[in-house]
Amino acid sequence: MKKLSLIIGLVAITLWGMAQRNLVRPEDVKAFMASTTYVVLENNPTSQFNIEIREAVERSWKITPYKFITAKEFNDMRKDIDKSFLVLIQMRFDKDKIAPTYNFLSVSMGAAVSKITDMPDICSVPLSYKDLPEDTYTYKLEGIIRFMQNYITAINENPKLIKKDAFKFYNKNMKQVKSKELWVIESGLEKSVRPLAEIRKVYKFNIKVVNPEDIQKAIQEKNPNILYLHKVGPEGSRLQWRVWKMILGAGDDQLYYYDMHTISKSKGDGFLSKDFAKINK
């Protein structure tokens, strides 16, 4: 993986790490499966993240036993090799030409290491650029943690799936998108394809532009007919570089499409016409 600069933004004393994050080992995945997972809450007890992650975990975290802890407790416990952590982290890719800081949701194993970045990273999913409002991603947290559990189960059963850009493996599911209805938030689309008339030119299957509440409801109801777009982009913030695009199943929690691009004159912030064209084949 690329060199990362990582900050655990929830800890009272800010911790920086500079390290090469290695691919997770099969034995780390086995250790996770036998662990209790500690879900790290933000210092602000009324934060939207705390409310949504607590409810999501209580409804949908099935893969390991779990407990909720504070950021301070995480700092005290993170070196215990028998524990795993579900934690909101802040990450920067040092080799990027422009290096914004991103929020990631991460499942990591405890390790007696000085650098946070040396903790075994079982699975991490991008959530947003650092300074964006929490509500740009909190409505999708339950779907994301269900997908993470599916992914971890898959690599536990088949360690050959552990590789760089592992999520690209799921693009084999792309052809199944046509059999379901794709729901998108308008801000998830690149500006040139936001009008439905423009989408219809490049995408011939069922699609709806909806509100975040609609997607959250579909996830909670495990609607088997709905796919939803999880896009991570700058949303007008000052530093603009990476855009992640993931299409997830509201019912089966599978990943149907994964890609990432950097912003340029021809590639803006959002799901692109080229992305639709790939699915449309």
C-alpha atoms as a PDB file:
ATOM      1  CA  MET A   1       0.000   0.000   0.000  1.00  0.00           C
ATOM      2  CA  LYS A   2       1.032   3.606  -0.381  1.00  0.00           C
ATOM      3  CA  LYS A   3       2.824   5.328   2.434  1.00  0.00           C
ATOM      4  CA  LEU A   4       0.362   6.814   4.867  1.00  0.00           C
ATOM      5  CA  SER A   5       0.313   9.468   7.500  1.00  0.00           C
ATOM      6  CA  LEU A   6      -2.262   8.486  10.108  1.00  0.00           C
ATOM      7  CA  ILE A   7      -3.871  10.410  12.931  1.00  0.00           C
ATOM      8  CA  ILE A   8      -6.222   8.892  15.459  1.00  0.00           C
ATOM      9  CA  GLY A   9      -8.410  11.954  15.667  1.00  0.00           C
ATOM     10  CA  LEU A  10     -10.580  10.668  18.488  1.00  0.00           C
ATOM     11  CA  VAL A  11      -7.806  10.417  21.069  1.00  0.00           C
ATOM     12  CA  ALA A  12      -7.421  13.272  23.537  1.00  0.00           C
ATOM     13  CA  ILE A  13      -3.681  13.511  22.824  1.00  0.00           C
ATOM     14  CA  THR A  14      -3.209  13.628  19.061  1.00  0.00           C
ATOM     15  CA  LEU A  15      -1.063  10.727  17.850  1.00  0.00           C
ATOM     16  CA  TRP A  16       0.856  10.882  14.585  1.00  0.00           C
ATOM     17  CA  GLY A  17       2.405   7.974  12.771  1.00  0.00           C
ATOM     18  CA  MET A  18       4.515   7.646   9.657  1.00  0.00           C
ATOM     19  CA  ALA A  19       4.744   4.056   8.432  1.00  0.00           C
ATOM     20  CA  GLN A  20       4.273   1.645   5.571  1.00  0.00           C
ATOM     21  CA  ARG A  21       0.974  -0.130   6.216  1.00  0.00           C
ATOM     22  CA  ASN A  22       1.442  -3.733   5.184  1.00  0.00           C
ATOM     23  CA  LEU A  23      -1.128  -6.154   3.863  1.00  0.00           C
ATOM     24  CA  VAL A  24      -2.982  -7.898   6.649  1.00  0.00           C
ATOM     25  CA  ARG A  25      -1.751 -11.438   7.332  1.00  0.00           C
ATOM     26  CA  PRO A  26      -4.128 -14.435   7.426  1.00  0.00           C
ATOM     27  CA  GLU A  27      -3.110 -15.050  11.049  1.00  0.00           C
ATOM     28  CA  ASP A  28      -4.189 -11.486  11.927  1.00  0.00           C
ATOM     29  CA  VAL A  29      -7.607 -12.194  10.431  1.00  0.00           C
ATOM     30  CA  LYS A  30      -7.837 -15.404  12.477  1.00  0.00           C
ATOM     31  CA  ALA A  31      -6.903 -13.438  15.599  1.00  0.00           C
ATOM     32  CA  PHE A  32      -9.636 -10.911  14.817  1.00  0.00           C
ATOM     33  CA  MET A  33     -12.250 -13.643  14.489  1.00  0.00           C
ATOM     34  CA  ALA A  34     -11.359 -14.847  18.007  1.00  0.00           C
ATOM     35  CA  SER A  35     -11.308 -11.360  19.548  1.00  0.00           C
ATOM     36  CA  THR A  36     -13.718  -8.960  21.188  1.00  0.00           C
ATOM     37  CA  THR A  37     -14.080  -5.793  19.117  1.00  0.00           C
ATOM     38  CA  TYR A  38     -13.963  -2.486  20.965  1.00  0.00           C
ATOM     39  CA  VAL A  39     -15.972   0.229  19.236  1.00  0.00           C
ATOM     40  CA  VAL A  40     -14.309   3.592  19.840  1.00  0.00           C
ATOM     41  CA  LEU A  41     -16.668   6.517  20.446  1.00  0.00           C
ATOM     42  CA  GLU A  42     -15.794  10.168  19.982  1.00  0.00           C
ATOM     43  CA  ASN A  43     -15.142  12.428  22.934  1.00  0.00           C
ATOM     44  CA  ASN A  44     -18.339  14.354  22.174  1.00  0.00           C
ATOM     45  CA  PRO A  45     -21.110  12.061  23.486  1.00  0.00           C
ATOM     46  CA  THR A  46     -23.772  13.810  21.391  1.00  0.00           C
ATOM     47  CA  SER A  47     -21.908  13.554  18.081  1.00  0.00           C
ATOM     48  CA  GLN A  48     -23.882  12.143  15.174  1.00  0.00           C
ATOM     49  CA  PHE A  49     -21.167   9.552  14.633  1.00  0.00           C
ATOM     50  CA  ASN A  50     -21.586   8.230  18.186  1.00  0.00           C
ATOM     51  CA  ILE A  51     -25.350   7.985  17.844  1.00  0.00           C
ATOM     52  CA  GLU A  52     -25.294   6.267  14.449  1.00  0.00           C
ATOM     53  CA  ILE A  53     -22.379   3.888  15.067  1.00  0.00           C
ATOM     54  CA  ARG A  54     -23.837   2.744  18.383  1.00  0.00           C
ATOM     55  CA  GLU A  55     -27.228   2.007  16.809  1.00  0.00           C
ATOM     56  CA  ALA A  56     -25.642   0.376  13.747  1.00  0.00           C
ATOM     57  CA  VAL A  57     -23.383  -1.884  15.802  1.00  0.00           C
ATOM     58  CA  GLU A  58     -26.182  -2.904  18.163  1.00  0.00           C
ATOM     59  CA  ARG A  59     -28.360  -3.897  15.195  1.00  0.00           C
ATOM     60  CA  SER A  60     -25.823  -5.362  12.808  1.00  0.00           C
ATOM     61  CA  TRP A  61     -22.420  -6.262  14.311  1.00  0.00           C
ATOM     62  CA  LYS A  62     -22.476 -10.072  14.351  1.00  0.00           C
ATOM     63  CA  ILE A  63     -18.944 -11.199  13.511  1.00  0.00           C
ATOM     64  CA  THR A  64     -17.391 -10.835  17.009  1.00  0.00           C
ATOM     65  CA  PRO A  65     -18.490  -9.863  20.525  1.00  0.00           C
ATOM     66  CA  TYR A  66     -18.240  -6.090  20.999  1.00  0.00           C
ATOM     67  CA  LYS A  67     -18.018  -3.379  23.643  1.00  0.00           C
ATOM     68  CA  PHE A  68     -18.113   0.402  23.405  1.00  0.00           C
ATOM     69  CA  ILE A  69     -15.152   2.387  24.746  1.00  0.00           C
ATOM     70  CA  THR A  70     -13.935   5.971  24.875  1.00  0.00           C
ATOM     71  CA  ALA A  71     -11.021   7.374  22.904  1.00  0.00           C
ATOM     72  CA  LYS A  72      -8.946   7.504  26.102  1.00  0.00           C
ATOM     73  CA  GLU A  73      -9.664   3.830  26.773  1.00  0.00           C
ATOM     74  CA  PHE A  74      -8.611   3.026  23.220  1.00  0.00           C
ATOM     75  CA  ASN A  75      -5.292   4.756  23.801  1.00  0.00           C
ATOM     76  CA  ASP A  76      -4.790   2.657  26.935  1.00  0.00           C
ATOM     77  CA  MET A  77      -5.874  -0.642  25.323  1.00  0.00           C
ATOM     78  CA  ARG A  78      -4.590  -0.500  21.759  1.00  0.00           C
ATOM     79  CA  LYS A  79      -1.401  -2.478  22.505  1.00  0.00           C
ATOM     80  CA  ASP A  80      -3.321  -5.539  23.699  1.00  0.00           C
ATOM     81  CA  ILE A  81      -2.874  -8.181  20.971  1.00  0.00           C
ATOM     82  CA  ASP A  82      -6.050 -10.029  21.977  1.00  0.00           C
ATOM     83  CA  LYS A  83      -8.310  -7.060  21.221  1.00  0.00           C
ATOM     84  CA  SER A  84      -9.663  -5.617  17.988  1.00  0.00           C
ATOM     85  CA  PHE A  85     -10.970  -2.110  17.405  1.00  0.00           C
ATOM     86  CA  LEU A  86     -13.593  -0.474  15.203  1.00  0.00           C
ATOM     87  CA  VAL A  87     -12.370   3.099  15.103  1.00  0.00           C
ATOM     88  CA  LEU A  88     -12.781   6.284  13.098  1.00  0.00           C
ATOM     89  CA  ILE A  89      -9.330   7.344  11.931  1.00  0.00           C
ATOM     90  CA  GLN A  90      -7.938  10.234   9.942  1.00  0.00           C
ATOM     91  CA  MET A  91      -5.558   9.336   7.155  1.00  0.00           C
ATOM     92  CA  ARG A  92      -3.365  11.130   4.641  1.00  0.00           C
ATOM     93  CA  PHE A  93      -1.564   9.672   1.623  1.00  0.00           C
ATOM     94  CA  ASP A  94       1.849  11.299   1.743  1.00  0.00           C
ATOM     95  CA  LYS A  95       2.833  10.620  -1.860  1.00  0.00           C
ATOM     96  CA  ASP A  96      -0.253  12.326  -3.286  1.00  0.00           C
ATOM     97  CA  LYS A  97       0.415  15.560  -5.167  1.00  0.00           C
ATOM     98  CA  ILE A  98      -2.250  17.153  -2.980  1.00  0.00           C
ATOM     99  CA  ALA A  99      -2.689  15.549   0.440  1.00  0.00           C
ATOM    100  CA  PRO A 100      -6.037  16.188   2.128  1.00  0.00           C
ATOM    101  CA  THR A 101      -6.912  14.288   5.286  1.00  0.00           C
ATOM    102  CA  TYR A 102      -9.657  11.675   5.039  1.00  0.00           C
ATOM    103  CA  ASN A 103     -11.915   9.957   7.540  1.00  0.00           C
ATOM    104  CA  PHE A 104     -11.733   6.162   7.387  1.00  0.00           C
ATOM    105  CA  LEU A 105     -13.671   3.572   9.355  1.00  0.00           C
ATOM    106  CA  SER A 106     -11.121   0.935  10.321  1.00  0.00           C
ATOM    107  CA  VAL A 107     -11.060  -2.500  11.910  1.00  0.00           C
ATOM    108  CA  SER A 108      -7.584  -2.949  13.419  1.00  0.00           C
ATOM    109  CA  MET A 109      -5.954  -5.471  15.730  1.00  0.00           C
ATOM    110  CA  GLY A 110      -4.192  -4.395  18.884  1.00  0.00           C
ATOM    111  CA  ALA A 111      -0.404  -4.575  18.800  1.00  0.00           C
ATOM    112  CA  ALA A 112       2.428  -3.632  21.155  1.00  0.00           C
ATOM    113  CA  VAL A 113       3.824  -1.080  18.730  1.00  0.00           C
ATOM    114  CA  SER A 114       4.654   2.572  19.215  1.00  0.00           C
ATOM    115  CA  LYS A 115       3.147   3.692  15.923  1.00  0.00           C
ATOM    116  CA  ILE A 116      -0.592   3.536  15.328  1.00  0.00           C
ATOM    117  CA  THR A 117       0.151   2.794  11.686  1.00  0.00           C
ATOM    118  CA  ASP A 118       1.819  -0.482  12.647  1.00  0.00           C
ATOM    119  CA  MET A 119      -1.404  -1.919  14.057  1.00  0.00           C
ATOM    120  CA  PRO A 120      -2.651  -4.695  11.732  1.00  0.00           C
ATOM    121  CA  ASP A 121      -5.318  -3.175   9.475  1.00  0.00           C
ATOM    122  CA  ILE A 122      -7.988  -5.836   8.882  1.00  0.00           C
ATOM    123  CA  CYS A 123     -10.312  -3.625   6.832  1.00  0.00           C
ATOM    124  CA  SER A 124     -10.656   0.118   6.240  1.00  0.00           C
ATOM    125  CA  VAL A 125     -13.326   1.961   4.263  1.00  0.00           C
ATOM    126  CA  PRO A 126     -13.132   5.677   3.326  1.00  0.00           C
ATOM    127  CA  LEU A 127     -15.968   7.759   4.770  1.00  0.00           C
ATOM    128  CA  SER A 128     -15.335  11.416   3.911  1.00  0.00           C
ATOM    129  CA  TYR A 129     -12.864  14.256   3.698  1.00  0.00           C
ATOM    130  CA  LYS A 130     -11.879  15.234   7.245  1.00  0.00           C
ATOM    131  CA  ASP A 131     -13.653  18.566   7.688  1.00  0.00           C
ATOM    132  CA  LEU A 132     -16.975  17.695   6.064  1.00  0.00           C
ATOM    133  CA  PRO A 133     -20.117  17.432   8.225  1.00  0.00           C
ATOM    134  CA  GLU A 134     -20.754  14.029   9.780  1.00  0.00           C
ATOM    135  CA  ASP A 135     -24.105  13.736   8.035  1.00  0.00           C
ATOM    136  CA  THR A 136     -22.344  13.252   4.695  1.00  0.00           C
ATOM    137  CA  TYR A 137     -21.661   9.648   5.743  1.00  0.00           C
ATOM    138  CA  THR A 138     -23.378   8.712   9.027  1.00  0.00           C
ATOM    139  CA  TYR A 139     -26.599   7.588   7.327  1.00  0.00           C
ATOM    140  CA  LYS A 140     -24.595   4.833   5.568  1.00  0.00           C
ATOM    141  CA  LEU A 141     -22.645   3.552   8.591  1.00  0.00           C
ATOM    142  CA  GLU A 142     -24.810   0.484   9.143  1.00  0.00           C
ATOM    143  CA  GLY A 143     -24.416  -0.608   5.532  1.00  0.00           C
ATOM    144  CA  ILE A 144     -20.673  -0.010   5.646  1.00  0.00           C
ATOM    145  CA  ILE A 145     -20.099  -2.060   8.805  1.00  0.00           C
ATOM    146  CA  ARG A 146     -22.175  -4.892   7.363  1.00  0.00           C
ATOM    147  CA  PHE A 147     -20.049  -4.831   4.207  1.00  0.00           C
ATOM    148  CA  MET A 148     -16.850  -4.804   6.288  1.00  0.00           C
ATOM    149  CA  GLN A 149     -17.996  -7.934   8.105  1.00  0.00           C
ATOM    150  CA  ASN A 150     -18.740  -9.650   4.773  1.00  0.00           C
ATOM    151  CA  TYR A 151     -15.303  -8.700   3.478  1.00  0.00           C
ATOM    152  CA  ILE A 152     -13.518  -9.949   6.606  1.00  0.00           C
ATOM    153  CA  THR A 153     -15.451 -13.220   6.462  1.00  0.00           C
ATOM    154  CA  ALA A 154     -14.419 -13.626   2.812  1.00  0.00           C
ATOM    155  CA  ILE A 155     -10.700 -13.089   3.437  1.00  0.00           C
ATOM    156  CA  ASN A 156     -10.846 -15.365   6.473  1.00  0.00           C
ATOM    157  CA  GLU A 157     -12.314 -18.161   4.359  1.00  0.00           C
ATOM    158  CA  ASN A 158     -10.072 -17.445   1.362  1.00  0.00           C
ATOM    159  CA  PRO A 159      -6.770 -15.731   2.247  1.00  0.00           C
ATOM    160  CA  LYS A 160      -5.903 -15.521  -1.469  1.00  0.00           C
ATOM    161  CA  LEU A 161      -8.284 -12.549  -1.601  1.00  0.00           C
ATOM    162  CA  ILE A 162      -5.875 -10.544   0.563  1.00  0.00           C
ATOM    163  CA  LYS A 163      -4.094  -8.227  -1.856  1.00  0.00           C
ATOM    164  CA  LYS A 164      -3.535  -4.596  -2.709  1.00  0.00           C
ATOM    165  CA  ASP A 165      -6.707  -2.865  -3.950  1.00  0.00           C
ATOM    166  CA  ALA A 166      -8.624  -5.895  -2.665  1.00  0.00           C
ATOM    167  CA  PHE A 167     -11.991  -4.202  -3.142  1.00  0.00           C
ATOM    168  CA  LYS A 168     -11.493  -4.295  -6.918  1.00  0.00           C
ATOM    169  CA  PHE A 169     -12.155  -8.032  -6.668  1.00  0.00           C
ATOM    170  CA  TYR A 170     -15.815  -7.164  -6.217  1.00  0.00           C
ATOM    171  CA  ASN A 171     -16.061  -5.582  -9.662  1.00  0.00           C
ATOM    172  CA  LYS A 172     -16.911  -9.093 -10.825  1.00  0.00           C
ATOM    173  CA  ASN A 173     -20.386  -8.262  -9.449  1.00  0.00           C
ATOM    174  CA  MET A 174     -20.760  -5.276 -11.789  1.00  0.00           C
ATOM    175  CA  LYS A 175     -22.959  -7.120 -14.274  1.00  0.00           C
ATOM    176  CA  GLN A 176     -25.539  -7.737 -11.552  1.00  0.00           C
ATOM    177  CA  VAL A 177     -26.230  -4.010 -11.099  1.00  0.00           C
ATOM    178  CA  LYS A 178     -28.670  -4.090 -14.009  1.00  0.00           C
ATOM    179  CA  SER A 179     -30.996  -6.427 -12.104  1.00  0.00           C
ATOM    180  CA  LYS A 180     -31.497  -3.952  -9.231  1.00  0.00           C
ATOM    181  CA  GLU A 181     -32.375  -0.297  -8.751  1.00  0.00           C
ATOM    182  CA  LEU A 182     -29.484   2.062  -8.103  1.00  0.00           C
ATOM    183  CA  TRP A 183     -30.138   4.895  -5.634  1.00  0.00           C
ATOM    184  CA  VAL A 184     -27.856   7.935  -5.626  1.00  0.00           C
ATOM    185  CA  ILE A 185     -27.647  11.232  -3.766  1.00  0.00           C
ATOM    186  CA  GLU A 186     -27.367  14.157  -6.173  1.00  0.00           C
ATOM    187  CA  SER A 187     -24.097  15.318  -4.567  1.00  0.00           C
ATOM    188  CA  GLY A 188     -22.653  11.872  -5.238  1.00  0.00           C
ATOM    189  CA  LEU A 189     -22.733  12.523  -8.971  1.00  0.00           C
ATOM    190  CA  GLU A 190     -20.241  14.565 -10.966  1.00  0.00           C
ATOM    191  CA  LYS A 191     -21.955  17.833 -11.929  1.00  0.00           C
ATOM    192  CA  SER A 192     -22.187  17.095 -15.652  1.00  0.00           C
ATOM    193  CA  VAL A 193     -24.291  13.965 -15.060  1.00  0.00           C
ATOM    194  CA  ARG A 194     -26.564  15.227 -12.293  1.00  0.00           C
ATOM    195  CA  PRO A 195     -29.557  15.957 -14.559  1.00  0.00           C
ATOM    196  CA  LEU A 196     -31.518  12.739 -15.030  1.00  0.00           C
ATOM    197  CA  ALA A 197     -31.594  13.389 -18.768  1.00  0.00           C
ATOM    198  CA  GLU A 198     -27.786  13.203 -18.818  1.00  0.00           C
ATOM    199  CA  ILE A 199     -27.749  10.005 -16.758  1.00  0.00           C
ATOM    200  CA  ARG A 200     -30.172   8.369 -19.194  1.00  0.00           C
ATOM    201  CA  LYS A 201     -27.712   9.003 -22.028  1.00  0.00           C
ATOM    202  CA  VAL A 202     -25.058   6.808 -20.415  1.00  0.00           C
ATOM    203  CA  TYR A 203     -27.017   4.474 -18.123  1.00  0.00           C
ATOM    204  CA  LYS A 204     -29.976   2.428 -19.340  1.00  0.00           C
ATOM    205  CA  PHE A 205     -30.933   0.612 -16.131  1.00  0.00           C
ATOM    206  CA  ASN A 206     -33.110   1.636 -13.167  1.00  0.00           C
ATOM    207  CA  ILE A 207     -31.801   4.586 -11.159  1.00  0.00           C
ATOM    208  CA  LYS A 208     -33.309   7.076  -8.704  1.00  0.00           C
ATOM    209  CA  VAL A 209     -31.979  10.279  -7.197  1.00  0.00           C
ATOM    210  CA  VAL A 210     -33.032  10.116  -3.535  1.00  0.00           C
ATOM    211  CA  ASN A 211     -32.443  11.662  -0.114  1.00  0.00           C
ATOM    212  CA  PRO A 212     -30.015  10.267   2.505  1.00  0.00           C
ATOM    213  CA  GLU A 213     -32.999   9.207   4.620  1.00  0.00           C
ATOM    214  CA  ASP A 214     -34.232   6.982   1.784  1.00  0.00           C
ATOM    215  CA  ILE A 215     -30.906   5.154   1.626  1.00  0.00           C
ATOM    216  CA  GLN A 216     -30.722   4.755   5.400  1.00  0.00           C
ATOM    217  CA  LYS A 217     -34.231   3.271   5.423  1.00  0.00           C
ATOM    218  CA  ALA A 218     -33.358   0.830   2.614  1.00  0.00           C
ATOM    219  CA  ILE A 219     -30.250  -0.278   4.548  1.00  0.00           C
ATOM    220  CA  GLN A 220     -32.160  -0.751   7.793  1.00  0.00           C
ATOM    221  CA  GLU A 221     -34.898  -2.702   6.003  1.00  0.00           C
ATOM    222  CA  LYS A 222     -32.276  -4.739   4.099  1.00  0.00           C
ATOM    223  CA  ASN A 223     -34.121  -4.058   0.863  1.00  0.00           C
ATOM    224  CA  PRO A 224     -32.864  -6.737  -1.562  1.00  0.00           C
ATOM    225  CA  ASN A 225     -33.775  -4.721  -4.640  1.00  0.00           C
ATOM    226  CA  ILE A 226     -31.781  -1.578  -3.834  1.00  0.00           C
ATOM    227  CA  LEU A 227     -28.138  -0.681  -4.458  1.00  0.00           C
ATOM    228  CA  TYR A 228     -26.742   2.627  -3.214  1.00  0.00           C
ATOM    229  CA  LEU A 229     -23.772   4.778  -4.117  1.00  0.00           C
ATOM    230  CA  HIS A 230     -21.164   5.556  -1.472  1.00  0.00           C
ATOM    231  CA  LYS A 231     -19.055   8.398  -2.839  1.00  0.00           C
ATOM    232  CA  VAL A 232     -16.216  10.077  -0.944  1.00  0.00           C
ATOM    233  CA  GLY A 233     -15.118  13.406  -2.378  1.00  0.00           C
ATOM    234  CA  PRO A 234     -14.175  16.961  -1.382  1.00  0.00           C
ATOM    235  CA  GLU A 235     -17.716  18.394  -1.654  1.00  0.00           C
ATOM    236  CA  GLY A 236     -16.287  21.871  -2.252  1.00  0.00           C
ATOM    237  CA  SER A 237     -13.602  21.715   0.447  1.00  0.00           C
ATOM    238  CA  ARG A 238     -10.316  23.499  -0.215  1.00  0.00           C
ATOM    239  CA  LEU A 239      -7.999  20.531  -0.820  1.00  0.00           C
ATOM    240  CA  GLN A 240      -9.347  18.348  -3.634  1.00  0.00           C
ATOM    241  CA  TRP A 241      -7.700  15.154  -4.756  1.00  0.00           C
ATOM    242  CA  ARG A 242      -9.129  11.645  -4.331  1.00  0.00           C
ATOM    243  CA  VAL A 243     -12.676  10.505  -5.105  1.00  0.00           C
ATOM    244  CA  TRP A 244     -13.735   6.996  -4.059  1.00  0.00           C
ATOM    245  CA  LYS A 245     -16.816   5.365  -5.583  1.00  0.00           C
ATOM    246  CA  MET A 246     -18.486   2.256  -4.179  1.00  0.00           C
ATOM    247  CA  ILE A 247     -21.857   0.700  -5.034  1.00  0.00           C
ATOM    248  CA  LEU A 248     -23.185  -1.427  -2.188  1.00  0.00           C
ATOM    249  CA  GLY A 249     -26.217  -3.667  -1.786  1.00  0.00           C
ATOM    250  CA  ALA A 250     -28.740  -2.489   0.803  1.00  0.00           C
ATOM    251  CA  GLY A 251     -29.948  -6.049   1.304  1.00  0.00           C
ATOM    252  CA  ASP A 252     -26.965  -8.328   0.815  1.00  0.00           C
ATOM    253  CA  ASP A 253     -24.186  -5.873   1.851  1.00  0.00           C
ATOM    254  CA  GLN A 254     -22.067  -6.890  -1.126  1.00  0.00           C
ATOM    255  CA  LEU A 255     -19.860  -4.524  -3.107  1.00  0.00           C
ATOM    256  CA  TYR A 256     -20.901  -4.271  -6.761  1.00  0.00           C
ATOM    257  CA  TYR A 257     -18.526  -1.593  -8.004  1.00  0.00           C
ATOM    258  CA  TYR A 258     -15.321  -0.011  -6.728  1.00  0.00           C
ATOM    259  CA  ASP A 259     -13.059   2.639  -8.217  1.00  0.00           C
ATOM    260  CA  MET A 260     -11.050   5.691  -7.258  1.00  0.00           C
ATOM    261  CA  HIS A 261      -9.931   8.653  -9.359  1.00  0.00           C
ATOM    262  CA  THR A 262      -8.056  11.872  -8.723  1.00  0.00           C
ATOM    263  CA  ILE A 263      -9.709  15.140  -9.596  1.00  0.00           C
ATOM    264  CA  SER A 264      -8.623  16.740 -12.867  1.00  0.00           C
ATOM    265  CA  LYS A 265     -10.101  18.911 -15.601  1.00  0.00           C
ATOM    266  CA  SER A 266     -11.834  15.883 -17.092  1.00  0.00           C
ATOM    267  CA  LYS A 267     -12.721  14.115 -13.815  1.00  0.00           C
ATOM    268  CA  GLY A 268     -14.690  16.060 -11.231  1.00  0.00           C
ATOM    269  CA  ASP A 269     -16.025  15.303  -7.782  1.00  0.00           C
ATOM    270  CA  GLY A 270     -18.472  12.452  -8.112  1.00  0.00           C
ATOM    271  CA  PHE A 271     -19.577   9.360  -9.969  1.00  0.00           C
ATOM    272  CA  LEU A 272     -18.546   9.952 -13.575  1.00  0.00           C
ATOM    273  CA  SER A 273     -20.121   9.321 -16.930  1.00  0.00           C
ATOM    274  CA  LYS A 274     -17.265   6.832 -17.429  1.00  0.00           C
ATOM    275  CA  ASP A 275     -18.372   4.945 -14.319  1.00  0.00           C
ATOM    276  CA  PHE A 276     -21.895   4.624 -15.639  1.00  0.00           C
ATOM    277  CA  ALA A 277     -20.494   3.483 -18.985  1.00  0.00           C
ATOM    278  CA  LYS A 278     -18.504   0.679 -17.326  1.00  0.00           C
ATOM    279  CA  ILE A 279     -21.625  -0.664 -15.638  1.00  0.00           C
ATOM    280  CA  ASN A 280     -23.714  -0.141 -18.755  1.00  0.00           C
ATOM    281  CA  LYS A 281     -21.680  -2.604 -20.846  1.00  0.00           C
END
